[in-house]
PDB file of N, CA and C in Angstrom:
ATOM      1  N   UNK A   1       9.369 -71.394   1.137  1.00  0.00           N
ATOM      2  CA  UNK A   1       9.333 -70.070   1.702  1.00  0.00           C
ATOM      3  C   UNK A   1       9.821 -69.025   0.708  1.00  0.00           C
ATOM      4  N   UNK A   2      10.820 -69.342  -0.095  1.00  0.00           N
ATOM      5  CA  UNK A   2      11.349 -68.367  -1.052  1.00  0.00           C
ATOM      6  C   UNK A   2      10.342 -68.089  -2.169  1.00  0.00           C
ATOM      7  N   UNK A   3       9.511 -69.058  -2.501  1.00  0.00           N
ATOM      8  CA  UNK A   3       8.474 -68.820  -3.520  1.00  0.00           C
ATOM      9  C   UNK A   3       7.428 -67.839  -2.996  1.00  0.00           C
ATOM     10  N   UNK A   4       7.109 -67.941  -1.733  1.00  0.00           N
ATOM     11  CA  UNK A   4       6.142 -67.011  -1.132  1.00  0.00           C
ATOM     12  C   UNK A   4       6.706 -65.599  -1.115  1.00  0.00           C
ATOM     13  N   UNK A   5       7.991 -65.484  -0.795  1.00  0.00           N
ATOM     14  CA  UNK A   5       8.641 -64.178  -0.781  1.00  0.00           C
ATOM     15  C   UNK A   5       8.696 -63.588  -2.182  1.00  0.00           C
ATOM     16  N   UNK A   6       9.023 -64.406  -3.174  1.00  0.00           N
ATOM     17  CA  UNK A   6       9.051 -63.938  -4.564  1.00  0.00           C
ATOM     18  C   UNK A   6       7.666 -63.493  -5.015  1.00  0.00           C
ATOM     19  N   UNK A   7       6.645 -64.195  -4.591  1.00  0.00           N
ATOM     20  CA  UNK A   7       5.272 -63.823  -4.939  1.00  0.00           C
ATOM     21  C   UNK A   7       4.887 -62.486  -4.314  1.00  0.00           C
ATOM     22  N   UNK A   8       5.280 -62.265  -3.077  1.00  0.00           N
ATOM     23  CA  UNK A   8       4.991 -60.986  -2.398  1.00  0.00           C
ATOM     24  C   UNK A   8       5.732 -59.845  -3.089  1.00  0.00           C
ATOM     25  N   UNK A   9       6.980 -60.063  -3.449  1.00  0.00           N
ATOM     26  CA  UNK A   9       7.766 -59.027  -4.129  1.00  0.00           C
ATOM     27  C   UNK A   9       7.149 -58.698  -5.478  1.00  0.00           C
ATOM     28  N   UNK A  10       6.744 -59.711  -6.235  1.00  0.00           N
ATOM     29  CA  UNK A  10       6.086 -59.469  -7.529  1.00  0.00           C
ATOM     30  C   UNK A  10       4.798 -58.680  -7.346  1.00  0.00           C
ATOM     31  N   UNK A  11       4.026 -59.052  -6.336  1.00  0.00           N
ATOM     32  CA  UNK A  11       2.776 -58.351  -6.052  1.00  0.00           C
ATOM     33  C   UNK A  11       3.041 -56.883  -5.729  1.00  0.00           C
ATOM     34  N   UNK A  12       4.057 -56.599  -4.917  1.00  0.00           N
ATOM     35  CA  UNK A  12       4.401 -55.220  -4.564  1.00  0.00           C
ATOM     36  C   UNK A  12       4.882 -54.429  -5.782  1.00  0.00           C
ATOM     37  N   UNK A  13       5.650 -55.066  -6.647  1.00  0.00           N
ATOM     38  CA  UNK A  13       6.130 -54.399  -7.865  1.00  0.00           C
ATOM     39  C   UNK A  13       4.953 -54.069  -8.779  1.00  0.00           C
ATOM     40  N   UNK A  14       4.031 -54.997  -8.925  1.00  0.00           N
ATOM     41  CA  UNK A  14       2.844 -54.746  -9.752  1.00  0.00           C
ATOM     42  C   UNK A  14       2.017 -53.608  -9.158  1.00  0.00           C
ATOM     43  N   UNK A  15       1.819 -53.619  -7.848  1.00  0.00           N
ATOM     44  CA  UNK A  15       1.080 -52.533  -7.196  1.00  0.00           C
ATOM     45  C   UNK A  15       1.755 -51.181  -7.408  1.00  0.00           C
ATOM     46  N   UNK A  16       3.100 -51.174  -7.335  1.00  0.00           N
ATOM     47  CA  UNK A  16       3.845 -49.941  -7.560  1.00  0.00           C
ATOM     48  C   UNK A  16       3.589 -49.391  -8.959  1.00  0.00           C
ATOM     49  N   UNK A  17       3.663 -50.237  -9.966  1.00  0.00           N
ATOM     50  CA  UNK A  17       3.457 -49.779 -11.340  1.00  0.00           C
ATOM     51  C   UNK A  17       2.004 -49.392 -11.609  1.00  0.00           C
ATOM     52  N   UNK A  18       1.067 -50.078 -10.980  1.00  0.00           N
ATOM     53  CA  UNK A  18      -0.341 -49.688 -11.120  1.00  0.00           C
ATOM     54  C   UNK A  18      -0.556 -48.305 -10.523  1.00  0.00           C
ATOM     55  N   UNK A  19       0.003 -48.082  -9.332  1.00  0.00           N
ATOM     56  CA  UNK A  19      -0.140 -46.760  -8.704  1.00  0.00           C
ATOM     57  C   UNK A  19       0.535 -45.682  -9.545  1.00  0.00           C
ATOM     58  N   UNK A  20       1.699 -45.983 -10.069  1.00  0.00           N
ATOM     59  CA  UNK A  20       2.408 -45.032 -10.921  1.00  0.00           C
ATOM     60  C   UNK A  20       1.569 -44.677 -12.145  1.00  0.00           C
ATOM     61  N   UNK A  21       0.973 -45.658 -12.763  1.00  0.00           N
ATOM     62  CA  UNK A  21       0.131 -45.420 -13.933  1.00  0.00           C
ATOM     63  C   UNK A  21      -1.106 -44.610 -13.589  1.00  0.00           C
ATOM     64  N   UNK A  22      -1.736 -44.907 -12.456  1.00  0.00           N
ATOM     65  CA  UNK A  22      -2.921 -44.150 -12.042  1.00  0.00           C
ATOM     66  C   UNK A  22      -2.591 -42.702 -11.727  1.00  0.00           C
ATOM     67  N   UNK A  23      -1.450 -42.459 -11.103  1.00  0.00           N
ATOM     68  CA  UNK A  23      -1.048 -41.076 -10.824  1.00  0.00           C
ATOM     69  C   UNK A  23      -0.765 -40.318 -12.120  1.00  0.00           C
ATOM     70  N   UNK A  24      -0.171 -41.007 -13.083  1.00  0.00           N
ATOM     71  CA  UNK A  24       0.094 -40.385 -14.377  1.00  0.00           C
ATOM     72  C   UNK A  24      -1.214 -40.005 -15.066  1.00  0.00           C
ATOM     73  N   UNK A  25      -2.167 -40.914 -15.073  1.00  0.00           N
ATOM     74  CA  UNK A  25      -3.466 -40.627 -15.686  1.00  0.00           C
ATOM     75  C   UNK A  25      -4.197 -39.507 -14.949  1.00  0.00           C
ATOM     76  N   UNK A  26      -4.105 -39.483 -13.629  1.00  0.00           N
ATOM     77  CA  UNK A  26      -4.750 -38.430 -12.848  1.00  0.00           C
ATOM     78  C   UNK A  26      -4.142 -37.065 -13.167  1.00  0.00           C
ATOM     79  N   UNK A  27      -2.837 -37.008 -13.371  1.00  0.00           N
ATOM     80  CA  UNK A  27      -2.208 -35.728 -13.698  1.00  0.00           C
ATOM     81  C   UNK A  27      -2.610 -35.263 -15.096  1.00  0.00           C
ATOM     82  N   UNK A  28      -2.798 -36.190 -16.022  1.00  0.00           N
ATOM     83  CA  UNK A  28      -3.256 -35.820 -17.365  1.00  0.00           C
ATOM     84  C   UNK A  28      -4.671 -35.262 -17.297  1.00  0.00           C
ATOM     85  N   UNK A  29      -5.543 -35.917 -16.552  1.00  0.00           N
ATOM     86  CA  UNK A  29      -6.925 -35.448 -16.420  1.00  0.00           C
ATOM     87  C   UNK A  29      -6.956 -34.098 -15.718  1.00  0.00           C
ATOM     88  N   UNK A  30      -6.166 -33.929 -14.670  1.00  0.00           N
ATOM     89  CA  UNK A  30      -6.116 -32.665 -13.937  1.00  0.00           C
ATOM     90  C   UNK A  30      -5.608 -31.538 -14.844  1.00  0.00           C
ATOM     91  N   UNK A  31      -4.599 -31.814 -15.659  1.00  0.00           N
ATOM     92  CA  UNK A  31      -4.071 -30.802 -16.565  1.00  0.00           C
ATOM     93  C   UNK A  31      -5.050 -30.441 -17.656  1.00  0.00           C
ATOM     94  N   UNK A  32      -5.828 -31.408 -18.129  1.00  0.00           N
ATOM     95  CA  UNK A  32      -6.800 -31.137 -19.186  1.00  0.00           C
ATOM     96  C   UNK A  32      -7.993 -30.354 -18.667  1.00  0.00           C
ATOM     97  N   UNK A  33      -8.289 -30.484 -17.384  1.00  0.00           N
ATOM     98  CA  UNK A  33      -9.465 -29.799 -16.848  1.00  0.00           C
ATOM     99  C   UNK A  33      -9.165 -28.377 -16.408  1.00  0.00           C
ATOM    100  N   UNK A  34      -7.892 -27.988 -16.291  1.00  0.00           N
ATOM    101  CA  UNK A  34      -7.542 -26.628 -15.883  1.00  0.00           C
ATOM    102  C   UNK A  34      -7.578 -25.707 -17.090  1.00  0.00           C
ATOM    103  N   UNK A  35      -8.008 -24.457 -16.890  1.00  0.00           N
ATOM    104  CA  UNK A  35      -8.015 -23.512 -18.011  1.00  0.00           C
ATOM    105  C   UNK A  35      -6.584 -23.162 -18.413  1.00  0.00           C
ATOM    106  N   UNK A  36      -6.389 -22.783 -19.670  1.00  0.00           N
ATOM    107  CA  UNK A  36      -5.037 -22.430 -20.113  1.00  0.00           C
ATOM    108  C   UNK A  36      -4.542 -21.174 -19.389  1.00  0.00           C
ATOM    109  N   UNK A  37      -3.243 -21.064 -19.280  1.00  0.00           N
ATOM    110  CA  UNK A  37      -2.639 -19.915 -18.606  1.00  0.00           C
ATOM    111  C   UNK A  37      -2.887 -18.640 -19.405  1.00  0.00           C
ATOM    112  N   UNK A  38      -2.905 -17.538 -18.697  1.00  0.00           N
ATOM    113  CA  UNK A  38      -3.097 -16.236 -19.354  1.00  0.00           C
ATOM    114  C   UNK A  38      -1.933 -15.963 -20.297  1.00  0.00           C
ATOM    115  N   UNK A  39      -2.231 -15.349 -21.437  1.00  0.00           N
ATOM    116  CA  UNK A  39      -1.190 -15.097 -22.428  1.00  0.00           C
ATOM    117  C   UNK A  39      -0.792 -13.630 -22.492  1.00  0.00           C
ATOM    118  N   UNK A  40      -1.238 -12.834 -21.550  1.00  0.00           N
ATOM    119  CA  UNK A  40      -0.896 -11.414 -21.532  1.00  0.00           C
ATOM    120  C   UNK A  40       0.562 -11.212 -21.165  1.00  0.00           C
ATOM    121  N   UNK A  41       1.022  -9.967 -21.218  1.00  0.00           N
ATOM    122  CA  UNK A  41       2.427  -9.713 -20.891  1.00  0.00           C
ATOM    123  C   UNK A  41       2.691  -9.993 -19.412  1.00  0.00           C
ATOM    124  N   UNK A  42       3.819 -10.590 -19.149  1.00  0.00           N
ATOM    125  CA  UNK A  42       4.201 -10.870 -17.769  1.00  0.00           C
ATOM    126  C   UNK A  42       4.812  -9.617 -17.171  1.00  0.00           C
ATOM    127  N   UNK A  43       4.820  -9.554 -15.867  1.00  0.00           N
ATOM    128  CA  UNK A  43       5.345  -8.374 -15.186  1.00  0.00           C
ATOM    129  C   UNK A  43       6.833  -8.228 -15.431  1.00  0.00           C
ATOM    130  N   UNK A  44       7.550  -9.332 -15.550  1.00  0.00           N
ATOM    131  CA  UNK A  44       8.997  -9.268 -15.701  1.00  0.00           C
ATOM    132  C   UNK A  44       9.451  -9.269 -17.159  1.00  0.00           C
ATOM    133  N   UNK A  45       8.545  -9.052 -18.114  1.00  0.00           N
ATOM    134  CA  UNK A  45       8.938  -8.946 -19.515  1.00  0.00           C
ATOM    135  C   UNK A  45       9.836  -7.730 -19.709  1.00  0.00           C
ATOM    136  N   UNK A  46      10.809  -7.884 -20.598  1.00  0.00           N
ATOM    137  CA  UNK A  46      11.682  -6.760 -20.918  1.00  0.00           C
ATOM    138  C   UNK A  46      11.203  -6.110 -22.207  1.00  0.00           C
ATOM    139  N   UNK A  47      11.299  -4.785 -22.247  1.00  0.00           N
ATOM    140  CA  UNK A  47      10.967  -4.032 -23.453  1.00  0.00           C
ATOM    141  C   UNK A  47      12.192  -3.224 -23.843  1.00  0.00           C
ATOM    142  N   UNK A  48      12.329  -2.975 -25.143  1.00  0.00           N
ATOM    143  CA  UNK A  48      13.511  -2.260 -25.640  1.00  0.00           C
ATOM    144  C   UNK A  48      13.200  -0.790 -25.833  1.00  0.00           C
ATOM    145  N   UNK A  49      14.080   0.032 -25.295  1.00  0.00           N
ATOM    146  CA  UNK A  49      14.016   1.468 -25.541  1.00  0.00           C
ATOM    147  C   UNK A  49      14.623   1.693 -26.917  1.00  0.00           C
ATOM    148  N   UNK A  50      13.813   2.184 -27.870  1.00  0.00           N
ATOM    149  CA  UNK A  50      14.284   2.315 -29.250  1.00  0.00           C
ATOM    150  C   UNK A  50      15.225   3.486 -29.464  1.00  0.00           C
ATOM    151  N   UNK A  51      15.367   4.366 -28.481  1.00  0.00           N
ATOM    152  CA  UNK A  51      16.286   5.501 -28.615  1.00  0.00           C
ATOM    153  C   UNK A  51      17.707   5.084 -28.233  1.00  0.00           C
ATOM    154  N   UNK A  52      17.870   4.519 -27.040  1.00  0.00           N
ATOM    155  CA  UNK A  52      19.223   4.163 -26.580  1.00  0.00           C
ATOM    156  C   UNK A  52      19.481   2.662 -26.616  1.00  0.00           C
ATOM    157  N   UNK A  53      18.524   1.869 -27.099  1.00  0.00           N
ATOM    158  CA  UNK A  53      18.655   0.419 -27.265  1.00  0.00           C
ATOM    159  C   UNK A  53      18.962  -0.332 -25.966  1.00  0.00           C
ATOM    160  N   UNK A  54      18.427   0.144 -24.855  1.00  0.00           N
ATOM    161  CA  UNK A  54      18.558  -0.599 -23.611  1.00  0.00           C
ATOM    162  C   UNK A  54      17.267  -1.369 -23.363  1.00  0.00           C
ATOM    163  N   UNK A  55      17.365  -2.418 -22.582  1.00  0.00           N
ATOM    164  CA  UNK A  55      16.199  -3.206 -22.211  1.00  0.00           C
ATOM    165  C   UNK A  55      15.809  -2.864 -20.782  1.00  0.00           C
ATOM    166  N   UNK A  56      14.520  -2.662 -20.582  1.00  0.00           N
ATOM    167  CA  UNK A  56      13.987  -2.227 -19.302  1.00  0.00           C
ATOM    168  C   UNK A  56      12.828  -3.151 -18.935  1.00  0.00           C
ATOM    169  N   UNK A  57      12.684  -3.524 -17.644  1.00  0.00           N
ATOM    170  CA  UNK A  57      11.488  -4.282 -17.261  1.00  0.00           C
ATOM    171  C   UNK A  57      10.229  -3.471 -17.561  1.00  0.00           C
ATOM    172  N   UNK A  58       9.233  -4.120 -18.122  1.00  0.00           N
ATOM    173  CA  UNK A  58       8.003  -3.433 -18.530  1.00  0.00           C
ATOM    174  C   UNK A  58       7.386  -2.656 -17.371  1.00  0.00           C
ATOM    175  N   UNK A  59       7.491  -3.184 -16.164  1.00  0.00           N
ATOM    176  CA  UNK A  59       6.886  -2.523 -15.005  1.00  0.00           C
ATOM    177  C   UNK A  59       7.543  -1.185 -14.702  1.00  0.00           C
ATOM    178  N   UNK A  60       8.819  -1.012 -15.057  1.00  0.00           N
ATOM    179  CA  UNK A  60       9.536   0.241 -14.780  1.00  0.00           C
ATOM    180  C   UNK A  60       9.621   1.164 -15.984  1.00  0.00           C
ATOM    181  N   UNK A  61       9.258   0.705 -17.155  1.00  0.00           N
ATOM    182  CA  UNK A  61       9.430   1.492 -18.380  1.00  0.00           C
ATOM    183  C   UNK A  61       8.353   2.562 -18.499  1.00  0.00           C
ATOM    184  N   UNK A  62       8.727   3.663 -19.122  1.00  0.00           N
ATOM    185  CA  UNK A  62       7.771   4.713 -19.472  1.00  0.00           C
ATOM    186  C   UNK A  62       7.222   4.389 -20.852  1.00  0.00           C
ATOM    187  N   UNK A  63       5.943   4.637 -21.065  1.00  0.00           N
ATOM    188  CA  UNK A  63       5.363   4.314 -22.368  1.00  0.00           C
ATOM    189  C   UNK A  63       4.776   5.559 -23.003  1.00  0.00           C
ATOM    190  N   UNK A  64       4.708   5.540 -24.315  1.00  0.00           N
ATOM    191  CA  UNK A  64       4.125   6.646 -25.081  1.00  0.00           C
ATOM    192  C   UNK A  64       3.752   6.123 -26.457  1.00  0.00           C
ATOM    193  N   UNK A  65       2.860   6.816 -27.123  1.00  0.00           N
ATOM    194  CA  UNK A  65       2.499   6.504 -28.502  1.00  0.00           C
ATOM    195  C   UNK A  65       3.416   7.306 -29.429  1.00  0.00           C
ATOM    196  N   UNK A  66       4.167   6.619 -30.252  1.00  0.00           N
ATOM    197  CA  UNK A  66       5.072   7.276 -31.211  1.00  0.00           C
ATOM    198  C   UNK A  66       4.625   6.857 -32.596  1.00  0.00           C
ATOM    199  N   UNK A  67       4.161   7.817 -33.387  1.00  0.00           N
ATOM    200  CA  UNK A  67       3.647   7.566 -34.741  1.00  0.00           C
ATOM    201  C   UNK A  67       2.538   6.512 -34.713  1.00  0.00           C
ATOM    202  N   UNK A  68       1.690   6.586 -33.685  1.00  0.00           N
ATOM    203  CA  UNK A  68       0.555   5.686 -33.578  1.00  0.00           C
ATOM    204  C   UNK A  68       0.880   4.297 -33.051  1.00  0.00           C
ATOM    205  N   UNK A  69       2.120   4.044 -32.697  1.00  0.00           N
ATOM    206  CA  UNK A  69       2.539   2.736 -32.184  1.00  0.00           C
ATOM    207  C   UNK A  69       2.972   2.872 -30.728  1.00  0.00           C
ATOM    208  N   UNK A  70       2.668   1.893 -29.880  1.00  0.00           N
ATOM    209  CA  UNK A  70       3.143   1.963 -28.499  1.00  0.00           C
ATOM    210  C   UNK A  70       4.657   1.757 -28.445  1.00  0.00           C
ATOM    211  N   UNK A  71       5.312   2.523 -27.579  1.00  0.00           N
ATOM    212  CA  UNK A  71       6.761   2.415 -27.415  1.00  0.00           C
ATOM    213  C   UNK A  71       7.087   2.569 -25.933  1.00  0.00           C
ATOM    214  N   UNK A  72       8.188   1.948 -25.503  1.00  0.00           N
ATOM    215  CA  UNK A  72       8.599   1.994 -24.114  1.00  0.00           C
ATOM    216  C   UNK A  72       9.986   2.602 -24.036  1.00  0.00           C
ATOM    217  N   UNK A  73      10.243   3.308 -22.929  1.00  0.00           N
ATOM    218  CA  UNK A  73      11.492   4.048 -22.775  1.00  0.00           C
ATOM    219  C   UNK A  73      12.040   3.875 -21.374  1.00  0.00           C
ATOM    220  N   UNK A  74      13.372   4.032 -21.277  1.00  0.00           N
ATOM    221  CA  UNK A  74      14.032   3.877 -19.984  1.00  0.00           C
ATOM    222  C   UNK A  74      13.981   5.156 -19.165  1.00  0.00           C
ATOM    223  N   UNK A  75      13.815   6.308 -19.817  1.00  0.00           N
ATOM    224  CA  UNK A  75      13.816   7.581 -19.097  1.00  0.00           C
ATOM    225  C   UNK A  75      12.948   8.596 -19.829  1.00  0.00           C
ATOM    226  N   UNK A  76      12.681   9.689 -19.155  1.00  0.00           N
ATOM    227  CA  UNK A  76      11.902  10.766 -19.772  1.00  0.00           C
ATOM    228  C   UNK A  76      12.672  11.395 -20.924  1.00  0.00           C
ATOM    229  N   UNK A  77      14.011  11.469 -20.801  1.00  0.00           N
ATOM    230  CA  UNK A  77      14.834  12.028 -21.870  1.00  0.00           C
ATOM    231  C   UNK A  77      14.711  11.234 -23.163  1.00  0.00           C
ATOM    232  N   UNK A  78      14.775   9.922 -23.059  1.00  0.00           N
ATOM    233  CA  UNK A  78      14.636   9.085 -24.254  1.00  0.00           C
ATOM    234  C   UNK A  78      13.229   9.205 -24.834  1.00  0.00           C
ATOM    235  N   UNK A  79      12.221   9.261 -23.966  1.00  0.00           N
ATOM    236  CA  UNK A  79      10.848   9.404 -24.453  1.00  0.00           C
ATOM    237  C   UNK A  79      10.678  10.732 -25.193  1.00  0.00           C
ATOM    238  N   UNK A  80      11.223  11.809 -24.624  1.00  0.00           N
ATOM    239  CA  UNK A  80      11.100  13.115 -25.267  1.00  0.00           C
ATOM    240  C   UNK A  80      11.831  13.151 -26.592  1.00  0.00           C
ATOM    241  N   UNK A  81      13.017  12.522 -26.669  1.00  0.00           N
ATOM    242  CA  UNK A  81      13.759  12.479 -27.939  1.00  0.00           C
ATOM    243  C   UNK A  81      12.961  11.722 -29.006  1.00  0.00           C
ATOM    244  N   UNK A  82      12.306  10.650 -28.629  1.00  0.00           N
ATOM    245  CA  UNK A  82      11.514   9.875 -29.599  1.00  0.00           C
ATOM    246  C   UNK A  82      10.301  10.658 -30.051  1.00  0.00           C
ATOM    247  N   UNK A  83       9.672  11.417 -29.167  1.00  0.00           N
ATOM    248  CA  UNK A  83       8.497  12.185 -29.520  1.00  0.00           C
ATOM    249  C   UNK A  83       8.837  13.360 -30.440  1.00  0.00           C
ATOM    250  N   UNK A  84      10.074  13.852 -30.369  1.00  0.00           N
ATOM    251  CA  UNK A  84      10.483  14.964 -31.221  1.00  0.00           C
ATOM    252  C   UNK A  84      10.888  14.512 -32.618  1.00  0.00           C
ATOM    253  N   UNK A  85      11.166  13.249 -32.799  1.00  0.00           N
ATOM    254  CA  UNK A  85      11.615  12.749 -34.111  1.00  0.00           C
ATOM    255  C   UNK A  85      10.477  12.692 -35.089  1.00  0.00           C
TER     256      UNK A  85
END
């Protein structure tokens, strides 16, 4: 009787590892078939205000072109100071 029990336990262990391996392979195939994530700026990215050196979430920052380069600012005052320089 103990040999039969040992055989059942071995069979269950083998089935467990086979299932584990199949799930691993399925996740690799699923990951390879999905398109890569977007590489654009995230909403919660921080940008540095070059006038007062504070960091502001991009969604809340004011932007302007300064000397032909994009720049972000925490307030209208900082933006105006940068534009006057």
